[in-house]
Amino acid sequence: MNNEDLRAFTARITQANGSELVVIVYEIIMKDIESAKEAFSAQDYTKFTRDLDHAVKFVNELINTLDFKYPVSYDLMQLYLYCNKQLIQATLKKEIGPLESANKVLSSLLKGFIEVAKQDKREPLMSNTQQVYAGLTYGKGSLNEMYVDPNQRERGFRA
């Protein structure tokens, strides 16, 4: 995952509620798997291992945040353990075959959580964060991106 991806995920996390945060975690895992496949193709086994270790940490985070008062959590636990096993197996054997099966399970779960997140109207989990509004402006010979938060009047200069 490159720095641009990290900044994008960070901006999304600051604005996410619980359901959206789960979607972001899935997307991070899948991005790590994609990056690991690219590293494998380039025969960069150090990056391959690092990307898969990062993905395993996020799968473990999904496991640790399950709420077992809901019966579906037991099913999710089994799926997460399977994905975890596949990621570890790919790391140890230095092969991408197990990544395909893990990615298939995760993409199916992601589709379901995207639908849940669309219906979740709760407030973001983080408060007192900068609201992100993105826009592009044209400068002489360049394209500039800017973020503006109309609610934070104490930011910037006062005349």
N, C-alpha and C. Protein backbone atom coordinates (compact mmCIF):
# COMPACT_ATOMS: atom_id res chain seq x y z
N MET A 1 0.85 -1.17 0.00
CA MET A 1 0.00 0.00 0.00
C MET A 1 0.90 1.24 0.00
N ASN A 2 0.61 2.18 -0.86
CA ASN A 2 1.44 3.37 -0.95
C ASN A 2 0.90 4.49 -0.05
N ASN A 3 1.64 5.59 0.02
CA ASN A 3 1.27 6.69 0.92
C ASN A 3 -0.05 7.34 0.52
N GLU A 4 -0.34 7.39 -0.76
CA GLU A 4 -1.61 7.97 -1.21
C GLU A 4 -2.79 7.14 -0.71
N ASP A 5 -2.65 5.82 -0.77
CA ASP A 5 -3.70 4.94 -0.24
C ASP A 5 -3.88 5.14 1.26
N LEU A 6 -2.76 5.26 1.97
CA LEU A 6 -2.82 5.48 3.41
C LEU A 6 -3.54 6.77 3.76
N ARG A 7 -3.24 7.84 3.04
CA ARG A 7 -3.92 9.12 3.29
C ARG A 7 -5.42 9.01 3.01
N ALA A 8 -5.78 8.33 1.94
CA ALA A 8 -7.19 8.17 1.59
C ALA A 8 -7.93 7.37 2.66
N PHE A 9 -7.32 6.27 3.11
CA PHE A 9 -7.95 5.48 4.17
C PHE A 9 -8.05 6.27 5.47
N THR A 10 -7.02 7.03 5.79
CA THR A 10 -7.03 7.83 7.01
C THR A 10 -8.15 8.86 6.98
N ALA A 11 -8.32 9.54 5.86
CA ALA A 11 -9.38 10.52 5.73
C ALA A 11 -10.75 9.87 5.87
N ARG A 12 -10.92 8.70 5.30
CA ARG A 12 -12.20 8.00 5.40
C ARG A 12 -12.47 7.52 6.81
N ILE A 13 -11.43 7.07 7.50
CA ILE A 13 -11.60 6.57 8.87
C ILE A 13 -12.10 7.68 9.79
N THR A 14 -11.60 8.90 9.62
CA THR A 14 -12.01 9.99 10.51
C THR A 14 -13.47 10.34 10.34
N GLN A 15 -14.08 9.99 9.23
CA GLN A 15 -15.48 10.33 8.95
C GLN A 15 -16.42 9.12 9.07
N ALA A 16 -15.90 7.96 9.47
CA ALA A 16 -16.67 6.71 9.40
C ALA A 16 -17.41 6.39 10.69
N ASN A 17 -18.59 5.81 10.53
CA ASN A 17 -19.28 5.22 11.68
C ASN A 17 -18.85 3.75 11.77
N GLY A 18 -19.44 3.00 12.67
CA GLY A 18 -18.99 1.62 12.90
C GLY A 18 -19.06 0.72 11.68
N SER A 19 -20.17 0.78 10.96
CA SER A 19 -20.32 -0.07 9.77
C SER A 19 -19.36 0.32 8.66
N GLU A 20 -19.19 1.62 8.48
CA GLU A 20 -18.26 2.08 7.46
C GLU A 20 -16.82 1.71 7.81
N LEU A 21 -16.52 1.69 9.10
CA LEU A 21 -15.18 1.31 9.53
C LEU A 21 -14.88 -0.14 9.20
N VAL A 22 -15.87 -1.01 9.34
CA VAL A 22 -15.69 -2.42 8.97
C VAL A 22 -15.42 -2.54 7.47
N VAL A 23 -16.14 -1.77 6.67
CA VAL A 23 -15.93 -1.76 5.22
C VAL A 23 -14.50 -1.33 4.90
N ILE A 24 -14.03 -0.30 5.58
CA ILE A 24 -12.67 0.19 5.35
C ILE A 24 -11.64 -0.88 5.71
N VAL A 25 -11.87 -1.58 6.81
CA VAL A 25 -10.94 -2.65 7.21
C VAL A 25 -10.88 -3.74 6.13
N TYR A 26 -12.03 -4.13 5.61
CA TYR A 26 -12.05 -5.10 4.51
C TYR A 26 -11.27 -4.59 3.31
N GLU A 27 -11.48 -3.33 2.96
CA GLU A 27 -10.79 -2.76 1.81
C GLU A 27 -9.28 -2.71 2.02
N ILE A 28 -8.85 -2.43 3.25
CA ILE A 28 -7.42 -2.42 3.55
C ILE A 28 -6.83 -3.82 3.38
N ILE A 29 -7.53 -4.82 3.89
CA ILE A 29 -7.06 -6.20 3.76
C ILE A 29 -6.94 -6.58 2.29
N MET A 30 -7.96 -6.25 1.52
CA MET A 30 -7.94 -6.61 0.10
C MET A 30 -6.86 -5.83 -0.66
N LYS A 31 -6.61 -4.61 -0.26
CA LYS A 31 -5.54 -3.82 -0.87
C LYS A 31 -4.18 -4.45 -0.54
N ASP A 32 -4.02 -4.92 0.70
CA ASP A 32 -2.78 -5.60 1.08
C ASP A 32 -2.58 -6.89 0.27
N ILE A 33 -3.64 -7.63 0.06
CA ILE A 33 -3.55 -8.86 -0.73
C ILE A 33 -3.16 -8.53 -2.17
N GLU A 34 -3.77 -7.50 -2.73
CA GLU A 34 -3.43 -7.07 -4.09
C GLU A 34 -1.96 -6.64 -4.17
N SER A 35 -1.52 -5.90 -3.19
CA SER A 35 -0.13 -5.44 -3.15
C SER A 35 0.83 -6.63 -3.00
N ALA A 36 0.43 -7.62 -2.20
CA ALA A 36 1.26 -8.81 -2.03
C ALA A 36 1.38 -9.59 -3.34
N LYS A 37 0.29 -9.67 -4.09
CA LYS A 37 0.35 -10.35 -5.38
C LYS A 37 1.31 -9.65 -6.34
N GLU A 38 1.26 -8.31 -6.34
CA GLU A 38 2.17 -7.55 -7.19
C GLU A 38 3.62 -7.77 -6.75
N ALA A 39 3.87 -7.80 -5.45
CA ALA A 39 5.22 -8.03 -4.94
C ALA A 39 5.69 -9.43 -5.31
N PHE A 40 4.79 -10.41 -5.26
CA PHE A 40 5.13 -11.78 -5.63
C PHE A 40 5.53 -11.84 -7.10
N SER A 41 4.76 -11.15 -7.95
CA SER A 41 5.06 -11.13 -9.38
C SER A 41 6.42 -10.50 -9.65
N ALA A 42 6.77 -9.50 -8.83
CA ALA A 42 8.06 -8.83 -8.97
C ALA A 42 9.17 -9.56 -8.22
N GLN A 43 8.85 -10.69 -7.62
CA GLN A 43 9.77 -11.50 -6.83
C GLN A 43 10.39 -10.72 -5.66
N ASP A 44 9.60 -9.81 -5.11
CA ASP A 44 10.01 -9.05 -3.92
C ASP A 44 9.34 -9.73 -2.72
N TYR A 45 10.00 -10.79 -2.22
CA TYR A 45 9.39 -11.61 -1.18
C TYR A 45 9.36 -10.91 0.18
N THR A 46 10.22 -9.93 0.38
CA THR A 46 10.18 -9.17 1.63
C THR A 46 8.90 -8.34 1.68
N LYS A 47 8.58 -7.65 0.59
CA LYS A 47 7.35 -6.86 0.53
C LYS A 47 6.14 -7.78 0.55
N PHE A 48 6.23 -8.91 -0.11
CA PHE A 48 5.15 -9.90 -0.11
C PHE A 48 4.80 -10.29 1.32
N THR A 49 5.81 -10.63 2.10
CA THR A 49 5.60 -11.03 3.49
C THR A 49 5.07 -9.87 4.32
N ARG A 50 5.62 -8.69 4.13
CA ARG A 50 5.20 -7.52 4.90
C ARG A 50 3.72 -7.19 4.63
N ASP A 51 3.31 -7.24 3.36
CA ASP A 51 1.92 -6.94 3.01
C ASP A 51 0.97 -7.97 3.60
N LEU A 52 1.37 -9.23 3.57
CA LEU A 52 0.50 -10.27 4.13
C LEU A 52 0.45 -10.20 5.65
N ASP A 53 1.56 -9.85 6.29
CA ASP A 53 1.55 -9.66 7.74
C ASP A 53 0.60 -8.53 8.13
N HIS A 54 0.59 -7.48 7.32
CA HIS A 54 -0.31 -6.35 7.58
C HIS A 54 -1.77 -6.79 7.43
N ALA A 55 -2.04 -7.59 6.40
CA ALA A 55 -3.40 -8.10 6.19
C ALA A 55 -3.83 -8.99 7.35
N VAL A 56 -2.92 -9.84 7.84
CA VAL A 56 -3.23 -10.72 8.97
C VAL A 56 -3.58 -9.90 10.21
N LYS A 57 -2.87 -8.81 10.44
CA LYS A 57 -3.18 -7.95 11.60
C LYS A 57 -4.60 -7.41 11.51
N PHE A 58 -5.02 -7.02 10.33
CA PHE A 58 -6.38 -6.49 10.18
C PHE A 58 -7.44 -7.58 10.27
N VAL A 59 -7.14 -8.78 9.78
CA VAL A 59 -8.08 -9.90 9.95
C VAL A 59 -8.22 -10.20 11.44
N ASN A 60 -7.11 -10.18 12.16
CA ASN A 60 -7.16 -10.39 13.61
C ASN A 60 -7.97 -9.30 14.30
N GLU A 61 -7.91 -8.10 13.80
CA GLU A 61 -8.71 -7.01 14.36
C GLU A 61 -10.21 -7.29 14.15
N LEU A 62 -10.56 -7.81 12.99
CA LEU A 62 -11.95 -8.19 12.75
C LEU A 62 -12.39 -9.29 13.72
N ILE A 63 -11.50 -10.24 13.96
CA ILE A 63 -11.81 -11.32 14.91
C ILE A 63 -12.00 -10.76 16.31
N ASN A 64 -11.12 -9.87 16.73
CA ASN A 64 -11.16 -9.33 18.09
C ASN A 64 -12.36 -8.44 18.35
N THR A 65 -12.97 -7.89 17.32
CA THR A 65 -14.09 -6.98 17.52
C THR A 65 -15.45 -7.65 17.34
N LEU A 66 -15.47 -8.95 17.14
CA LEU A 66 -16.75 -9.64 17.01
C LEU A 66 -17.52 -9.57 18.34
N ASP A 67 -18.83 -9.37 18.21
CA ASP A 67 -19.71 -9.32 19.38
C ASP A 67 -20.52 -10.62 19.39
N PHE A 68 -20.19 -11.51 20.30
CA PHE A 68 -20.77 -12.86 20.29
C PHE A 68 -22.17 -12.94 20.88
N LYS A 69 -22.76 -11.79 21.19
CA LYS A 69 -24.17 -11.85 21.59
C LYS A 69 -25.07 -12.00 20.36
N TYR A 70 -24.47 -11.84 19.17
CA TYR A 70 -25.18 -12.05 17.92
C TYR A 70 -24.72 -13.37 17.31
N PRO A 71 -25.64 -14.27 16.96
CA PRO A 71 -25.26 -15.59 16.42
C PRO A 71 -24.41 -15.54 15.15
N VAL A 72 -24.59 -14.51 14.33
CA VAL A 72 -23.82 -14.42 13.08
C VAL A 72 -22.32 -14.27 13.37
N SER A 73 -21.97 -13.81 14.55
CA SER A 73 -20.56 -13.63 14.90
C SER A 73 -19.79 -14.94 14.88
N TYR A 74 -20.46 -16.04 15.21
CA TYR A 74 -19.80 -17.34 15.20
C TYR A 74 -19.46 -17.76 13.77
N ASP A 75 -20.36 -17.46 12.84
CA ASP A 75 -20.10 -17.76 11.43
C ASP A 75 -18.98 -16.88 10.89
N LEU A 76 -19.02 -15.59 11.24
CA LEU A 76 -17.96 -14.69 10.81
C LEU A 76 -16.61 -15.11 11.36
N MET A 77 -16.61 -15.58 12.60
CA MET A 77 -15.36 -16.04 13.22
C MET A 77 -14.74 -17.17 12.41
N GLN A 78 -15.54 -18.11 11.98
CA GLN A 78 -15.02 -19.23 11.19
C GLN A 78 -14.46 -18.75 9.85
N LEU A 79 -15.15 -17.80 9.22
CA LEU A 79 -14.67 -17.26 7.95
C LEU A 79 -13.38 -16.47 8.13
N TYR A 80 -13.30 -15.68 9.19
CA TYR A 80 -12.08 -14.91 9.46
C TYR A 80 -10.91 -15.84 9.78
N LEU A 81 -11.16 -16.90 10.53
CA LEU A 81 -10.09 -17.85 10.84
C LEU A 81 -9.60 -18.55 9.57
N TYR A 82 -10.54 -18.86 8.68
CA TYR A 82 -10.16 -19.47 7.40
C TYR A 82 -9.27 -18.52 6.60
N CYS A 83 -9.69 -17.25 6.50
CA CYS A 83 -8.90 -16.26 5.76
C CYS A 83 -7.53 -16.07 6.39
N ASN A 84 -7.50 -16.02 7.71
CA ASN A 84 -6.24 -15.88 8.43
C ASN A 84 -5.30 -17.04 8.10
N LYS A 85 -5.85 -18.24 8.11
CA LYS A 85 -5.06 -19.44 7.80
C LYS A 85 -4.52 -19.37 6.37
N GLN A 86 -5.34 -18.92 5.43
CA GLN A 86 -4.91 -18.82 4.04
C GLN A 86 -3.79 -17.80 3.87
N LEU A 87 -3.91 -16.67 4.55
CA LEU A 87 -2.87 -15.63 4.46
C LEU A 87 -1.56 -16.12 5.05
N ILE A 88 -1.63 -16.81 6.17
CA ILE A 88 -0.42 -17.33 6.80
C ILE A 88 0.21 -18.43 5.93
N GLN A 89 -0.64 -19.27 5.37
CA GLN A 89 -0.14 -20.33 4.50
C GLN A 89 0.56 -19.73 3.27
N ALA A 90 -0.01 -18.70 2.69
CA ALA A 90 0.62 -18.04 1.54
C ALA A 90 1.97 -17.45 1.93
N THR A 91 2.05 -16.89 3.12
CA THR A 91 3.30 -16.30 3.60
C THR A 91 4.37 -17.37 3.78
N LEU A 92 4.00 -18.45 4.43
CA LEU A 92 4.98 -19.50 4.74
C LEU A 92 5.44 -20.26 3.50
N LYS A 93 4.51 -20.54 2.60
CA LYS A 93 4.85 -21.32 1.41
C LYS A 93 5.30 -20.46 0.23
N LYS A 94 5.21 -19.14 0.40
CA LYS A 94 5.58 -18.20 -0.67
C LYS A 94 4.85 -18.54 -1.97
N GLU A 95 3.51 -18.59 -1.87
CA GLU A 95 2.68 -18.85 -3.04
C GLU A 95 1.42 -18.00 -2.95
N ILE A 96 0.81 -17.73 -4.09
CA ILE A 96 -0.36 -16.86 -4.10
C ILE A 96 -1.68 -17.61 -4.22
N GLY A 97 -1.64 -18.92 -4.37
CA GLY A 97 -2.87 -19.71 -4.46
C GLY A 97 -3.83 -19.49 -3.30
N PRO A 98 -3.35 -19.57 -2.05
CA PRO A 98 -4.26 -19.35 -0.92
C PRO A 98 -4.85 -17.94 -0.87
N LEU A 99 -4.16 -16.99 -1.50
CA LEU A 99 -4.66 -15.61 -1.48
C LEU A 99 -5.95 -15.49 -2.27
N GLU A 100 -6.08 -16.28 -3.32
CA GLU A 100 -7.29 -16.24 -4.15
C GLU A 100 -8.52 -16.66 -3.34
N SER A 101 -8.39 -17.74 -2.57
CA SER A 101 -9.54 -18.20 -1.80
C SER A 101 -9.88 -17.23 -0.67
N ALA A 102 -8.87 -16.66 -0.03
CA ALA A 102 -9.12 -15.67 1.02
C ALA A 102 -9.78 -14.43 0.43
N ASN A 103 -9.29 -13.99 -0.71
CA ASN A 103 -9.84 -12.81 -1.37
C ASN A 103 -11.30 -13.03 -1.78
N LYS A 104 -11.61 -14.24 -2.21
CA LYS A 104 -12.98 -14.57 -2.62
C LYS A 104 -13.94 -14.45 -1.44
N VAL A 105 -13.54 -15.00 -0.30
CA VAL A 105 -14.38 -14.93 0.91
C VAL A 105 -14.53 -13.48 1.36
N LEU A 106 -13.42 -12.76 1.39
CA LEU A 106 -13.46 -11.38 1.86
C LEU A 106 -14.27 -10.48 0.95
N SER A 107 -14.18 -10.69 -0.35
CA SER A 107 -14.96 -9.84 -1.27
C SER A 107 -16.46 -10.10 -1.12
N SER A 108 -16.85 -11.35 -0.85
CA SER A 108 -18.27 -11.65 -0.61
C SER A 108 -18.75 -10.97 0.66
N LEU A 109 -17.95 -11.04 1.71
CA LEU A 109 -18.31 -10.38 2.97
C LEU A 109 -18.35 -8.86 2.80
N LEU A 110 -17.41 -8.33 2.03
CA LEU A 110 -17.37 -6.89 1.80
C LEU A 110 -18.66 -6.40 1.15
N LYS A 111 -19.16 -7.13 0.18
CA LYS A 111 -20.41 -6.74 -0.49
C LYS A 111 -21.56 -6.63 0.52
N GLY A 112 -21.63 -7.58 1.44
CA GLY A 112 -22.67 -7.55 2.46
C GLY A 112 -22.52 -6.37 3.40
N PHE A 113 -21.30 -6.10 3.83
CA PHE A 113 -21.07 -5.00 4.76
C PHE A 113 -21.25 -3.64 4.08
N ILE A 114 -21.03 -3.56 2.78
CA ILE A 114 -21.30 -2.31 2.06
C ILE A 114 -22.79 -1.99 2.12
N GLU A 115 -23.61 -3.01 1.94
CA GLU A 115 -25.06 -2.80 2.02
C GLU A 115 -25.48 -2.41 3.44
N VAL A 116 -24.88 -3.02 4.44
CA VAL A 116 -25.19 -2.65 5.83
C VAL A 116 -24.78 -1.20 6.08
N ALA A 117 -23.62 -0.81 5.60
CA ALA A 117 -23.12 0.55 5.83
C ALA A 117 -24.01 1.59 5.16
N LYS A 118 -24.60 1.25 4.02
CA LYS A 118 -25.51 2.19 3.35
C LYS A 118 -26.73 2.49 4.21
N GLN A 119 -27.17 1.52 5.00
CA GLN A 119 -28.36 1.68 5.82
C GLN A 119 -28.05 2.26 7.20
N ASP A 120 -26.80 2.27 7.58
CA ASP A 120 -26.38 2.74 8.90
C ASP A 120 -26.27 4.26 8.89
N LYS A 121 -27.12 4.94 9.63
CA LYS A 121 -27.15 6.40 9.64
C LYS A 121 -26.56 6.99 10.93
N ARG A 122 -25.80 6.18 11.67
CA ARG A 122 -25.20 6.68 12.91
C ARG A 122 -24.11 7.71 12.61
N GLU A 123 -23.79 8.48 13.64
CA GLU A 123 -22.75 9.50 13.54
C GLU A 123 -21.37 8.83 13.45
N PRO A 124 -20.36 9.55 12.93
CA PRO A 124 -19.00 9.01 12.91
C PRO A 124 -18.51 8.69 14.32
N LEU A 125 -17.67 7.67 14.42
CA LEU A 125 -17.14 7.26 15.72
C LEU A 125 -16.19 8.30 16.30
N MET A 126 -15.43 8.97 15.44
CA MET A 126 -14.49 9.98 15.90
C MET A 126 -15.17 11.34 15.91
N SER A 127 -14.96 12.07 16.99
CA SER A 127 -15.51 13.43 17.04
C SER A 127 -14.35 14.42 17.04
N ASN A 128 -14.69 15.65 16.82
CA ASN A 128 -13.70 16.72 16.79
C ASN A 128 -12.61 16.47 15.75
N THR A 129 -13.04 15.96 14.61
CA THR A 129 -12.11 15.78 13.50
C THR A 129 -12.47 16.77 12.41
N GLN A 130 -11.54 17.02 11.56
CA GLN A 130 -11.77 17.96 10.47
C GLN A 130 -12.66 17.31 9.43
N GLN A 131 -13.76 17.97 9.10
CA GLN A 131 -14.63 17.50 8.04
C GLN A 131 -13.90 17.71 6.72
N VAL A 132 -13.89 16.71 5.89
CA VAL A 132 -13.12 16.77 4.65
C VAL A 132 -14.05 17.09 3.49
N TYR A 133 -13.77 18.19 2.84
CA TYR A 133 -14.41 18.54 1.59
C TYR A 133 -13.28 18.68 0.58
N ALA A 134 -13.34 17.93 -0.47
CA ALA A 134 -12.25 17.96 -1.44
C ALA A 134 -12.66 18.78 -2.64
N GLY A 135 -11.70 19.48 -3.17
CA GLY A 135 -11.93 20.25 -4.37
C GLY A 135 -10.63 20.44 -5.11
N LEU A 136 -10.73 20.76 -6.37
CA LEU A 136 -9.54 20.98 -7.18
C LEU A 136 -9.55 22.42 -7.67
N THR A 137 -8.41 23.04 -7.63
CA THR A 137 -8.25 24.37 -8.20
C THR A 137 -7.11 24.32 -9.20
N TYR A 138 -7.21 25.18 -10.16
CA TYR A 138 -6.17 25.22 -11.19
C TYR A 138 -5.23 26.36 -10.89
N GLY A 139 -3.95 26.04 -10.84
CA GLY A 139 -2.93 27.06 -10.68
C GLY A 139 -2.15 27.16 -11.98
N LYS A 140 -1.22 28.06 -12.02
CA LYS A 140 -0.43 28.22 -13.23
C LYS A 140 0.43 26.98 -13.44
N GLY A 141 0.05 26.17 -14.39
CA GLY A 141 0.80 24.97 -14.71
C GLY A 141 0.61 23.83 -13.73
N SER A 142 -0.40 23.90 -12.84
CA SER A 142 -0.59 22.81 -11.88
C SER A 142 -2.06 22.68 -11.50
N LEU A 143 -2.36 21.58 -10.92
CA LEU A 143 -3.68 21.29 -10.41
C LEU A 143 -3.54 21.09 -8.91
N ASN A 144 -4.23 21.88 -8.10
CA ASN A 144 -4.07 21.83 -6.64
C ASN A 144 -5.32 21.25 -6.00
N GLU A 145 -5.09 20.42 -5.01
CA GLU A 145 -6.20 19.85 -4.25
C GLU A 145 -6.27 20.57 -2.92
N MET A 146 -7.50 20.86 -2.47
CA MET A 146 -7.64 21.55 -1.19
C MET A 146 -8.79 20.95 -0.39
N TYR A 147 -8.68 21.08 0.93
CA TYR A 147 -9.70 20.60 1.85
C TYR A 147 -10.21 21.79 2.65
N VAL A 148 -11.52 21.89 2.78
CA VAL A 148 -12.12 23.01 3.49
C VAL A 148 -13.15 22.47 4.47
N ASP A 149 -13.14 23.02 5.67
CA ASP A 149 -14.14 22.67 6.67
C ASP A 149 -14.85 23.94 7.11
N PRO A 150 -16.08 24.14 6.66
CA PRO A 150 -16.77 25.37 7.01
C PRO A 150 -17.15 25.47 8.48
N ASN A 151 -17.12 24.38 9.22
CA ASN A 151 -17.51 24.39 10.63
C ASN A 151 -16.38 24.77 11.57
N GLN A 152 -15.18 24.80 11.12
CA GLN A 152 -14.06 25.11 12.00
C GLN A 152 -13.56 26.52 11.74
N ARG A 153 -14.25 27.47 12.34
CA ARG A 153 -13.92 28.87 12.14
C ARG A 153 -12.64 29.28 12.83
N GLU A 154 -12.19 28.51 13.83
CA GLU A 154 -10.98 28.87 14.55
C GLU A 154 -9.71 28.48 13.80
N ARG A 155 -9.85 27.80 12.69
CA ARG A 155 -8.68 27.42 11.91
C ARG A 155 -8.29 28.55 10.96
N GLY A 156 -7.04 28.72 10.71
CA GLY A 156 -6.56 29.70 9.76
C GLY A 156 -6.38 31.08 10.37
N PHE A 157 -6.28 32.06 9.51
CA PHE A 157 -6.03 33.45 9.94
C PHE A 157 -7.34 34.19 10.14
N ARG A 158 -7.31 35.13 11.08
CA ARG A 158 -8.45 36.00 11.28
C ARG A 158 -8.07 37.41 10.89
N ALA A 159 -8.96 38.07 10.19
CA ALA A 159 -8.68 39.45 9.75
C ALA A 159 -9.13 40.45 10.79
